[in-house]
N, C-alpha and C. Protein backbone atom coordinates (compact mmCIF):
# COMPACT_ATOMS: atom_id res chain seq x y z
N MET A 1 2.34 -15.78 21.37
CA MET A 1 3.14 -16.55 21.30
C MET A 1 2.13 -17.63 20.19
N LEU A 2 2.75 -18.34 19.43
CA LEU A 2 1.90 -19.09 17.97
C LEU A 2 1.73 -20.55 18.65
N ASN A 3 0.11 -20.93 18.33
CA ASN A 3 0.01 -22.31 18.77
C ASN A 3 0.81 -23.36 17.55
N ASP A 4 0.26 -24.50 17.59
CA ASP A 4 0.63 -25.21 16.47
C ASP A 4 0.12 -25.06 15.27
N LYS A 5 -0.98 -24.79 15.34
CA LYS A 5 -1.99 -24.54 13.75
C LYS A 5 -1.63 -23.43 13.51
N GLN A 6 -1.44 -22.37 14.15
CA GLN A 6 -0.90 -20.89 13.19
C GLN A 6 0.63 -21.34 12.94
N ALA A 7 1.46 -21.95 13.67
CA ALA A 7 2.66 -21.95 13.48
C ALA A 7 2.73 -22.89 11.81
N LYS A 8 1.81 -23.97 11.84
CA LYS A 8 2.39 -24.68 10.66
C LYS A 8 1.35 -23.94 9.40
N TRP A 9 0.35 -23.28 9.92
CA TRP A 9 -0.33 -22.54 8.57
C TRP A 9 1.12 -21.29 8.23
N LEU A 10 1.75 -20.97 8.95
CA LEU A 10 2.69 -19.66 8.70
C LEU A 10 3.74 -20.69 7.50
N ALA A 11 4.03 -21.98 8.35
CA ALA A 11 5.17 -22.21 7.68
C ALA A 11 4.82 -23.35 6.05
N GLU A 12 3.34 -23.61 6.06
CA GLU A 12 3.02 -24.28 4.56
C GLU A 12 2.41 -22.93 3.72
N ASN A 13 1.97 -22.13 4.14
CA ASN A 13 1.14 -20.87 3.28
C ASN A 13 2.09 -19.51 3.24
N ILE A 14 3.09 -19.30 3.82
CA ILE A 14 3.86 -18.14 4.29
C ILE A 14 5.31 -18.08 3.70
N LEU A 15 5.81 -19.33 4.25
CA LEU A 15 6.89 -19.11 4.14
C LEU A 15 7.43 -19.56 2.84
N PRO A 16 6.82 -20.45 1.96
CA PRO A 16 7.18 -20.84 0.67
C PRO A 16 6.91 -19.26 -0.36
N HIS A 17 6.55 -18.03 0.15
CA HIS A 17 6.50 -16.87 -0.91
C HIS A 17 7.31 -15.99 -0.13
N GLU A 18 8.16 -16.50 0.99
CA GLU A 18 9.04 -15.28 1.36
C GLU A 18 10.29 -15.02 0.54
N SER A 19 10.91 -15.83 -0.37
CA SER A 19 11.77 -15.85 -1.36
C SER A 19 11.26 -14.46 -2.10
N ASP A 20 9.96 -14.91 -2.53
CA ASP A 20 9.49 -13.93 -3.88
C ASP A 20 9.53 -12.52 -3.34
N VAL A 21 9.17 -12.26 -2.11
CA VAL A 21 9.09 -11.04 -1.31
C VAL A 21 10.19 -10.54 -1.31
N ARG A 22 11.41 -11.12 -0.90
CA ARG A 22 12.66 -10.83 -1.02
C ARG A 22 13.10 -10.18 -2.17
N ARG A 23 12.99 -11.05 -3.24
CA ARG A 23 13.17 -10.55 -4.52
C ARG A 23 12.52 -9.45 -5.14
N TRP A 24 11.28 -8.86 -4.62
CA TRP A 24 10.59 -8.05 -4.99
C TRP A 24 11.14 -7.07 -4.02
N LEU A 25 11.49 -7.04 -2.61
CA LEU A 25 12.13 -6.08 -2.05
C LEU A 25 13.67 -5.55 -2.43
N SER A 26 14.00 -6.21 -3.05
CA SER A 26 15.45 -6.31 -3.70
C SER A 26 15.35 -4.89 -4.21
N LYS A 27 14.46 -4.22 -4.96
CA LYS A 27 14.41 -3.34 -5.84
C LYS A 27 14.73 -2.19 -5.24
N TYR A 28 13.80 -2.31 -3.82
CA TYR A 28 14.18 -1.05 -3.03
C TYR A 28 15.31 -0.93 -2.14
N LYS A 29 16.28 -0.18 -2.72
CA LYS A 29 17.71 -0.02 -2.01
C LYS A 29 17.89 0.17 -0.95
N ASP A 30 17.02 1.44 -0.26
CA ASP A 30 17.27 2.31 0.73
C ASP A 30 16.14 1.87 1.85
N ILE A 31 15.77 0.66 1.77
CA ILE A 31 15.30 -0.47 2.90
C ILE A 31 15.66 -1.66 3.29
N ASP A 32 15.73 -1.91 4.60
CA ASP A 32 15.96 -3.18 5.11
C ASP A 32 15.32 -4.41 4.74
N ALA A 33 15.43 -5.23 4.01
CA ALA A 33 14.27 -6.44 3.56
C ALA A 33 14.10 -7.09 4.95
N ASP A 34 14.99 -7.39 5.47
CA ASP A 34 15.14 -8.19 6.62
C ASP A 34 14.36 -7.50 7.77
N ASP A 35 14.23 -6.20 7.95
CA ASP A 35 13.47 -5.51 9.08
C ASP A 35 12.17 -5.66 8.35
N ILE A 36 12.01 -5.13 7.27
CA ILE A 36 10.28 -5.18 6.45
C ILE A 36 9.50 -6.74 6.66
N LEU A 37 10.38 -7.65 6.47
CA LEU A 37 9.90 -9.07 6.61
C LEU A 37 9.67 -9.51 8.07
N GLN A 38 10.55 -8.87 9.08
CA GLN A 38 10.44 -9.15 10.61
C GLN A 38 8.76 -8.33 11.02
N GLU A 39 8.88 -7.12 10.56
CA GLU A 39 7.53 -6.59 10.49
C GLU A 39 6.47 -7.35 9.90
N ALA A 40 6.50 -7.90 8.95
CA ALA A 40 5.26 -8.41 8.51
C ALA A 40 4.95 -9.84 9.20
N TRP A 41 6.21 -10.40 9.43
CA TRP A 41 5.66 -11.79 10.18
C TRP A 41 5.42 -11.22 11.61
N VAL A 42 5.60 -10.26 12.32
CA VAL A 42 4.74 -10.04 13.62
C VAL A 42 3.22 -9.78 13.38
N ILE A 43 3.13 -9.03 12.10
CA ILE A 43 1.47 -9.07 11.68
C ILE A 43 0.77 -10.15 11.65
N LEU A 44 1.40 -11.04 10.93
CA LEU A 44 0.82 -12.35 10.23
C LEU A 44 0.79 -13.23 11.58
N ALA A 45 1.66 -12.93 12.60
CA ALA A 45 1.78 -13.81 13.65
C ALA A 45 0.23 -13.71 14.37
N LYS A 46 -0.74 -12.41 14.29
CA LYS A 46 -1.66 -12.13 14.83
C LYS A 46 -2.65 -12.70 14.09
N VAL A 47 -2.60 -12.74 12.96
CA VAL A 47 -3.71 -13.07 12.09
C VAL A 47 -4.46 -14.13 11.89
N ASP A 48 -6.08 -14.12 11.99
CA ASP A 48 -6.85 -15.54 12.45
C ASP A 48 -6.42 -16.19 11.01
N CYS A 49 -5.77 -17.34 10.93
CA CYS A 49 -5.28 -17.93 9.40
C CYS A 49 -6.75 -18.61 8.91
N THR A 50 -7.71 -19.21 9.80
CA THR A 50 -8.73 -19.59 9.40
C THR A 50 -9.63 -18.66 8.18
N THR A 51 -9.21 -17.80 8.43
CA THR A 51 -10.07 -16.57 7.40
C THR A 51 -9.24 -16.29 6.16
N ILE A 52 -8.01 -16.66 6.15
CA ILE A 52 -7.37 -16.06 4.87
C ILE A 52 -7.53 -17.16 3.96
N GLN A 53 -7.87 -16.72 2.52
CA GLN A 53 -7.91 -17.33 1.62
C GLN A 53 -6.94 -17.33 0.23
N PHE A 54 -6.33 -16.36 0.60
CA PHE A 54 -5.01 -15.90 -0.55
C PHE A 54 -4.07 -15.60 0.63
N PRO A 55 -3.48 -16.59 0.76
CA PRO A 55 -1.89 -15.98 1.80
C PRO A 55 -0.93 -15.33 1.24
N ARG A 56 -0.31 -15.53 -0.19
CA ARG A 56 0.70 -14.98 -1.01
C ARG A 56 0.07 -13.46 -0.75
N ARG A 57 -1.13 -13.54 -1.51
CA ARG A 57 -1.52 -11.94 -1.47
C ARG A 57 -1.38 -11.07 -0.42
N LEU A 58 -2.11 -11.73 0.71
CA LEU A 58 -1.81 -10.94 2.09
C LEU A 58 -0.27 -10.77 2.70
N LEU A 59 0.63 -11.43 2.22
CA LEU A 59 2.29 -11.45 2.57
C LEU A 59 2.28 -9.99 1.73
N PHE A 60 2.02 -10.00 0.53
CA PHE A 60 2.34 -9.02 -0.41
C PHE A 60 1.86 -8.04 0.06
N THR A 61 0.65 -7.67 0.52
CA THR A 61 0.01 -6.79 0.69
C THR A 61 0.52 -6.13 2.21
N ILE A 62 0.82 -7.05 2.84
CA ILE A 62 1.29 -6.57 4.36
C ILE A 62 2.67 -5.89 4.18
N THR A 63 3.50 -6.51 3.35
CA THR A 63 4.70 -5.87 2.99
C THR A 63 4.79 -4.72 2.61
N ARG A 64 3.75 -4.49 1.39
CA ARG A 64 4.01 -3.17 1.03
C ARG A 64 3.14 -2.18 1.23
N ASN A 65 2.56 -2.41 2.27
CA ASN A 65 2.01 -1.56 3.34
C ASN A 65 3.22 -1.25 4.18
N ILE A 66 3.89 -1.94 4.70
CA ILE A 66 5.01 -1.78 5.65
C ILE A 66 5.98 -1.10 4.78
N VAL A 67 6.24 -1.10 3.19
CA VAL A 67 6.98 -0.16 2.91
C VAL A 67 6.67 1.16 2.67
N LEU A 68 5.56 1.56 2.42
CA LEU A 68 4.72 2.53 2.11
C LEU A 68 4.81 3.41 3.07
N GLN A 69 4.61 2.64 4.50
CA GLN A 69 4.76 3.32 5.71
C GLN A 69 6.42 3.80 6.36
N HIS A 70 7.17 2.93 5.79
CA HIS A 70 8.80 3.15 5.97
C HIS A 70 8.79 4.49 5.16
N TYR A 71 8.68 4.55 3.88
CA TYR A 71 8.95 5.58 2.90
C TYR A 71 8.11 7.12 3.77
N ARG A 72 6.79 6.77 4.27
CA ARG A 72 6.46 7.84 4.76
C ARG A 72 6.82 8.54 5.74
N ARG A 73 7.47 7.47 6.51
CA ARG A 73 8.01 8.14 7.82
C ARG A 73 9.64 8.71 7.32
N ALA A 74 9.97 8.29 6.73
CA ALA A 74 11.34 8.67 5.94
C ALA A 74 11.06 9.95 5.05
N GLN A 75 10.24 10.16 4.66
CA GLN A 75 10.28 11.60 4.04
C GLN A 75 9.41 12.75 4.73
N ILE A 76 8.78 12.46 5.67
CA ILE A 76 7.65 13.23 6.09
C ILE A 76 7.54 13.77 7.37
N VAL A 77 7.32 12.79 8.28
CA VAL A 77 7.70 12.78 9.50
C VAL A 77 8.91 12.71 10.42
N SER A 78 9.15 13.37 11.35
CA SER A 78 10.31 12.99 12.17
C SER A 78 10.15 12.19 13.06
N PHE A 79 11.14 11.50 13.68
CA PHE A 79 10.77 10.78 14.91
C PHE A 79 10.39 11.22 15.90
N SER A 80 10.39 12.56 16.41
CA SER A 80 9.88 13.25 17.54
C SER A 80 8.34 13.55 17.16
N SER A 81 8.17 13.84 15.89
CA SER A 81 6.93 14.28 15.68
C SER A 81 5.77 12.73 15.87
N LEU A 82 6.60 11.66 15.33
CA LEU A 82 5.90 10.40 15.59
C LEU A 82 5.56 9.93 17.23
N ALA A 83 6.18 10.30 18.16
CA ALA A 83 6.53 10.27 19.43
C ALA A 83 5.12 11.00 19.61
N ASP A 84 5.11 12.23 19.37
CA ASP A 84 4.18 13.06 19.97
C ASP A 84 2.61 12.85 19.57
N LEU A 85 2.67 12.30 18.02
CA LEU A 85 1.37 11.62 17.45
C LEU A 85 0.89 10.84 18.36
N SER A 86 1.75 9.61 18.62
CA SER A 86 1.21 8.64 19.30
C SER A 86 0.78 9.11 20.28
N ASP A 87 1.44 9.84 21.53
CA ASP A 87 1.02 10.32 22.76
C ASP A 87 -0.59 11.07 22.52
N GLU A 88 -0.58 12.14 21.57
CA GLU A 88 -1.94 12.43 21.19
C GLU A 88 -2.92 11.33 21.03
N CYS A 89 -2.77 10.37 20.21
CA CYS A 89 -3.63 9.27 19.45
C CYS A 89 -4.10 8.76 20.87
N SER A 90 -3.40 8.47 21.80
CA SER A 90 -3.72 7.00 22.91
C SER A 90 -4.45 7.88 23.68
N GLY A 91 -5.48 7.00 23.81
CA GLY A 91 -6.86 6.98 24.46
C GLY A 91 -7.93 7.92 23.93
N GLN A 92 -7.59 8.32 22.72
CA GLN A 92 -8.91 8.84 21.87
C GLN A 92 -9.90 8.44 21.39
N ASP A 93 -11.09 7.83 21.85
CA ASP A 93 -11.87 7.41 21.19
C ASP A 93 -12.65 7.87 20.24
N THR A 94 -13.03 9.16 20.28
CA THR A 94 -13.61 10.49 19.02
C THR A 94 -12.83 10.82 18.09
N ILE A 95 -13.34 11.15 17.08
CA ILE A 95 -12.49 11.86 15.91
C ILE A 95 -12.79 13.52 16.01
N SER A 96 -11.92 14.25 16.18
CA SER A 96 -12.27 15.50 15.94
C SER A 96 -12.62 16.15 14.95
N PRO A 97 -13.02 17.30 15.03
CA PRO A 97 -13.58 18.18 13.56
C PRO A 97 -12.88 17.90 12.79
N GLU A 98 -11.27 18.31 13.34
CA GLU A 98 -9.97 18.47 12.53
C GLU A 98 -9.64 17.21 11.56
N GLN A 99 -9.68 15.96 12.35
CA GLN A 99 -9.18 14.96 12.16
C GLN A 99 -10.33 14.34 10.82
N SER A 100 -11.76 14.80 11.05
CA SER A 100 -12.85 14.42 10.32
C SER A 100 -12.56 15.42 9.05
N VAL A 101 -12.17 16.54 9.15
CA VAL A 101 -11.63 17.45 7.99
C VAL A 101 -10.74 17.00 7.17
N GLY A 102 -9.89 16.62 7.94
CA GLY A 102 -8.44 16.09 7.33
C GLY A 102 -8.82 14.69 6.61
N ALA A 103 -9.38 13.67 7.20
CA ALA A 103 -10.19 12.77 6.39
C ALA A 103 -10.78 12.98 4.80
N ARG A 104 -11.59 13.89 5.10
CA ARG A 104 -12.53 14.22 3.99
C ARG A 104 -11.76 14.82 3.11
N ARG A 105 -10.42 15.67 3.37
CA ARG A 105 -9.40 16.19 2.23
C ARG A 105 -8.99 14.70 1.46
N GLU A 106 -8.41 13.97 2.46
CA GLU A 106 -7.97 12.82 1.91
C GLU A 106 -8.24 12.22 1.07
N LEU A 107 -9.81 12.19 1.17
CA LEU A 107 -10.39 11.16 0.35
C LEU A 107 -10.69 12.12 -0.75
N GLU A 108 -11.17 13.25 -1.08
CA GLU A 108 -10.71 13.93 -1.89
C GLU A 108 -9.95 13.99 -3.04
N PHE A 109 -8.76 14.04 -2.28
CA PHE A 109 -7.28 14.27 -2.95
C PHE A 109 -7.39 12.84 -3.79
N LEU A 110 -7.45 11.66 -2.86
CA LEU A 110 -7.27 10.23 -3.46
C LEU A 110 -8.64 10.25 -4.72
N ASN A 111 -9.73 10.51 -4.48
CA ASN A 111 -10.69 10.54 -5.44
C ASN A 111 -10.08 11.47 -6.93
N HIS A 112 -9.71 12.64 -6.71
CA HIS A 112 -8.93 13.26 -7.75
C HIS A 112 -7.88 12.80 -8.26
N VAL A 113 -7.44 11.80 -7.79
CA VAL A 113 -5.78 11.20 -8.15
C VAL A 113 -6.43 10.19 -9.15
N ILE A 114 -7.28 9.30 -8.31
CA ILE A 114 -7.77 8.48 -9.20
C ILE A 114 -8.59 8.41 -10.36
N SER A 115 -9.28 9.45 -10.69
CA SER A 115 -9.85 10.28 -11.80
C SER A 115 -8.98 10.84 -12.69
N HIS A 116 -7.93 10.93 -12.40
CA HIS A 116 -6.96 11.27 -13.31
C HIS A 116 -6.13 10.32 -13.78
N LEU A 117 -6.23 9.35 -13.48
CA LEU A 117 -5.53 7.75 -13.88
C LEU A 117 -5.67 7.74 -15.54
N PRO A 118 -4.74 6.96 -16.26
CA PRO A 118 -5.09 6.65 -17.52
C PRO A 118 -6.33 5.99 -17.49
N PRO A 119 -7.30 5.98 -18.56
CA PRO A 119 -8.68 5.42 -18.65
C PRO A 119 -8.48 4.21 -18.00
N ARG A 120 -7.47 3.22 -18.83
CA ARG A 120 -7.70 1.87 -18.48
C ARG A 120 -6.98 1.40 -17.36
N CYS A 121 -5.78 2.28 -16.56
CA CYS A 121 -5.30 1.84 -15.50
C CYS A 121 -6.44 2.32 -14.42
N ARG A 122 -7.36 3.29 -14.64
CA ARG A 122 -8.33 3.58 -13.52
C ARG A 122 -9.32 2.48 -13.55
N ALA A 123 -9.79 1.98 -14.75
CA ALA A 123 -10.61 1.02 -14.61
C ALA A 123 -10.54 -0.19 -14.08
N ILE A 124 -9.34 -0.70 -14.05
CA ILE A 124 -8.55 -1.94 -13.76
C ILE A 124 -8.62 -1.61 -11.95
N PHE A 125 -7.98 -0.57 -11.88
CA PHE A 125 -7.53 0.24 -10.30
C PHE A 125 -8.80 0.00 -9.64
N THR A 126 -9.73 0.75 -10.29
CA THR A 126 -11.10 0.57 -9.45
C THR A 126 -11.94 -0.73 -9.34
N LEU A 127 -12.04 -1.72 -10.01
CA LEU A 127 -12.36 -2.95 -9.81
C LEU A 127 -11.74 -3.86 -9.09
N HIS A 128 -10.22 -3.31 -9.19
CA HIS A 128 -9.54 -4.45 -8.39
C HIS A 128 -9.52 -3.84 -7.00
N ARG A 129 -9.08 -2.61 -6.89
CA ARG A 129 -8.90 -2.35 -5.34
C ARG A 129 -10.23 -1.83 -4.62
N ILE A 130 -11.28 -0.93 -5.51
CA ILE A 130 -12.23 -0.36 -4.75
C ILE A 130 -13.26 -1.76 -4.67
N HIS A 131 -13.85 -2.48 -5.78
CA HIS A 131 -14.77 -3.17 -5.89
C HIS A 131 -14.43 -4.63 -5.56
N GLY A 132 -13.10 -4.80 -5.54
CA GLY A 132 -12.63 -6.07 -4.40
C GLY A 132 -12.37 -7.27 -5.66
N TYR A 133 -12.65 -7.04 -6.63
CA TYR A 133 -12.44 -8.18 -7.84
C TYR A 133 -11.01 -8.55 -7.81
N SER A 134 -10.70 -10.03 -7.92
CA SER A 134 -9.23 -10.49 -8.09
C SER A 134 -8.65 -10.22 -9.42
N HIS A 135 -7.50 -10.39 -9.43
CA HIS A 135 -6.85 -10.28 -10.81
C HIS A 135 -7.63 -11.09 -12.02
N LYS A 136 -7.96 -12.23 -11.72
CA LYS A 136 -8.53 -13.05 -12.61
C LYS A 136 -9.96 -12.31 -12.83
N GLU A 137 -10.80 -12.32 -11.95
CA GLU A 137 -11.98 -11.58 -12.16
C GLU A 137 -11.98 -10.61 -13.10
N CYS A 138 -10.82 -9.44 -12.70
CA CYS A 138 -10.52 -8.19 -13.49
C CYS A 138 -10.27 -8.43 -14.98
N ALA A 139 -9.26 -9.33 -15.32
CA ALA A 139 -9.35 -9.77 -16.61
C ALA A 139 -10.26 -10.58 -17.31
N GLN A 140 -11.07 -11.09 -16.54
CA GLN A 140 -12.14 -11.86 -17.37
C GLN A 140 -13.07 -10.83 -17.78
N ARG A 141 -13.30 -9.76 -16.94
CA ARG A 141 -14.57 -8.86 -17.32
C ARG A 141 -14.06 -7.85 -18.02
N LEU A 142 -12.66 -7.68 -18.09
CA LEU A 142 -12.23 -6.25 -19.12
C LEU A 142 -11.60 -7.34 -20.24
N ASN A 143 -11.68 -8.60 -20.50
CA ASN A 143 -10.89 -9.58 -21.66
C ASN A 143 -9.30 -9.27 -21.98
N LEU A 144 -8.86 -9.43 -20.76
CA LEU A 144 -7.69 -8.76 -20.86
C LEU A 144 -7.18 -9.95 -19.77
N SER A 145 -5.50 -10.01 -19.80
CA SER A 145 -4.84 -11.00 -19.80
C SER A 145 -4.36 -10.47 -17.79
N GLU A 146 -4.20 -11.40 -16.98
CA GLU A 146 -3.88 -11.09 -15.71
C GLU A 146 -2.56 -10.62 -15.64
N THR A 147 -1.67 -10.84 -16.64
CA THR A 147 -0.34 -9.80 -16.61
C THR A 147 -0.65 -8.68 -16.74
N ILE A 148 -1.26 -8.16 -17.54
CA ILE A 148 -2.00 -6.84 -17.82
C ILE A 148 -2.30 -5.98 -16.51
N ILE A 149 -3.31 -6.79 -15.94
CA ILE A 149 -4.08 -6.64 -14.56
C ILE A 149 -3.13 -5.98 -13.62
N ALA A 150 -2.41 -6.93 -13.73
CA ALA A 150 -1.06 -6.61 -12.65
C ALA A 150 0.03 -5.45 -12.53
N LYS A 151 -0.37 -5.34 -13.73
CA LYS A 151 0.83 -4.20 -14.60
C LYS A 151 0.11 -3.17 -14.24
N GLN A 152 -1.30 -2.77 -14.41
CA GLN A 152 -1.79 -1.78 -14.44
C GLN A 152 -2.24 -1.39 -12.94
N VAL A 153 -2.46 -2.50 -12.37
CA VAL A 153 -2.89 -2.05 -10.83
C VAL A 153 -1.26 -1.48 -10.27
N ALA A 154 -0.29 -2.15 -10.35
CA ALA A 154 0.94 -1.60 -10.01
C ALA A 154 1.19 -0.01 -10.43
N LYS A 155 0.74 -0.01 -11.60
CA LYS A 155 1.18 1.29 -12.39
C LYS A 155 0.18 2.23 -11.14
N ALA A 156 -0.73 2.07 -11.13
CA ALA A 156 -1.98 2.77 -10.73
C ALA A 156 -1.47 3.23 -9.23
N LEU A 157 -0.55 2.13 -8.71
CA LEU A 157 -0.03 2.32 -7.14
C LEU A 157 1.18 3.11 -7.26
N ARG A 158 1.77 2.74 -8.39
CA ARG A 158 3.05 3.99 -8.18
C ARG A 158 2.43 5.35 -8.36
N LEU A 159 1.68 5.79 -9.66
CA LEU A 159 1.37 6.86 -10.06
C LEU A 159 0.43 7.59 -8.64
N ILE A 160 -0.24 6.99 -8.18
CA ILE A 160 -0.92 7.40 -6.70
C ILE A 160 -0.06 8.00 -5.76
N GLY A 161 1.16 6.68 -5.35
CA GLY A 161 2.25 7.09 -4.58
C GLY A 161 2.76 8.40 -4.86
N ASP A 162 3.24 8.58 -6.39
CA ASP A 162 3.73 9.84 -6.79
C ASP A 162 3.26 10.97 -6.30
N ALA A 163 1.91 10.98 -6.85
CA ALA A 163 1.19 11.71 -6.41
C ALA A 163 1.18 12.30 -4.86
N TYR A 164 0.91 11.24 -4.01
CA TYR A 164 0.87 11.50 -2.47
C TYR A 164 2.55 12.25 -2.35
N GLY A 165 3.36 11.82 -2.93
CA GLY A 165 4.90 12.12 -2.44
C GLY A 165 5.06 13.73 -2.87
N HIS A 166 3.82 14.13 -4.35
CA HIS A 166 4.51 15.43 -4.54
C HIS A 166 3.62 16.06 -3.80
N GLN A 167 2.63 15.67 -3.26
CA GLN A 167 1.60 16.58 -2.32
C GLN A 167 2.60 17.04 -1.25
N GLU A 168 3.02 15.87 -0.66
CA GLU A 168 3.82 15.86 0.75
C GLU A 168 4.97 16.83 0.42
N ARG A 169 5.44 17.07 -0.68
CA ARG A 169 6.61 18.10 -1.12
C ARG A 169 6.05 19.55 -0.90
N GLN A 170 4.97 19.70 -1.61
CA GLN A 170 4.32 20.96 -1.62
C GLN A 170 3.47 21.25 -0.04
N HIS A 171 3.64 20.75 0.82
CA HIS A 171 3.03 20.69 2.10
C HIS A 171 1.60 21.68 1.72
N ASP A 172 0.77 21.06 0.96
CA ASP A 172 -0.62 21.61 0.54
C ASP A 172 -0.59 23.07 0.09
N ILE A 173 0.06 23.61 -0.10
CA ILE A 173 0.29 25.28 -0.89
C ILE A 173 0.15 25.08 -1.93
N GLY A 174 -0.78 25.46 -2.48
CA GLY A 174 -0.70 25.33 -3.93
C GLY A 174 -0.88 24.24 -4.70
N TYR A 175 -1.16 23.43 -4.65
CA TYR A 175 -1.07 22.04 -4.94
C TYR A 175 -1.78 21.91 -6.09
N ARG A 176 -0.74 21.41 -7.44
CA ARG A 176 -1.52 21.04 -8.20
C ARG A 176 -0.94 19.56 -8.62
N PRO A 177 -2.04 18.75 -8.92
CA PRO A 177 -1.23 17.23 -9.09
C PRO A 177 -0.53 17.18 -10.09
N PRO A 178 0.83 16.23 -10.39
CA PRO A 178 1.92 16.17 -11.21
C PRO A 178 0.96 15.56 -12.30
N PRO A 179 1.45 15.50 -13.77
CA PRO A 179 0.78 15.19 -14.74
C PRO A 179 1.34 13.39 -14.76
N LEU A 180 -0.02 12.59 -14.61
CA LEU A 180 -0.03 11.24 -14.38
C LEU A 180 0.38 10.27 -15.72
N GLY A 181 1.05 9.33 -15.53
CA GLY A 181 1.40 8.63 -16.70
C GLY A 181 2.72 8.85 -17.07
N ARG A 182 3.65 9.76 -16.66
CA ARG A 182 4.74 10.32 -16.79
C ARG A 182 5.54 8.98 -16.44
N SER A 183 6.83 8.85 -17.28
CA SER A 183 7.61 8.00 -17.08
C SER A 183 8.66 8.30 -15.93
N HIS A 184 9.21 7.38 -15.05
CA HIS A 184 10.55 7.48 -14.38
C HIS A 184 11.36 8.11 -15.41
N LYS A 185 11.90 7.47 -16.00
CA LYS A 185 13.01 8.26 -16.91
C LYS A 185 12.88 9.51 -17.03
N ASN A 186 11.99 10.11 -17.12
CA ASN A 186 11.71 11.73 -17.32
C ASN A 186 11.96 12.50 -16.20
N ARG A 187 12.43 12.01 -15.02
CA ARG A 187 12.31 12.49 -13.85
C ARG A 187 13.87 13.29 -13.81
N PRO A 188 13.72 14.52 -13.10
CA PRO A 188 15.14 15.19 -12.97
C PRO A 188 16.22 14.17 -12.13
């Protein structure tokens, strides 16, 4: 249950941005924006509001992650597999060797994909997502506009997502990453 302070913080800092998130979600025709936002609100209700510096960024990040989870579930994992996975993971405190190897492979794959991003896109993505610089700080460091920074970060995320989608379709057999930087217009 929310206390008054949390409810006020959510109303003042998150609610004003909900229409922007809905507008952003409207480009995804195969998801229900209400469901995604409901999940985001549940997560936000559990957040310690005293530690949040950028509420809008937090709302968009949470929403984006929920959308990514939605697509991962929809494309890769069946519901019965999800149930099996949750049963396996419950009560497990240590990481098995298989999980460690899987995590290492995933990091290697992500490093490979990032290293093959277009140079400017890679530099901006690395500064923003890996080193934690804000869009404004990236823009100042690279002498670019914040709009360019935002577009390049979005481009990097799309290309990384495409690479993960391609990898999943290939089932890790004979995987070769798709050429990065290819336009969506060229897709079959």
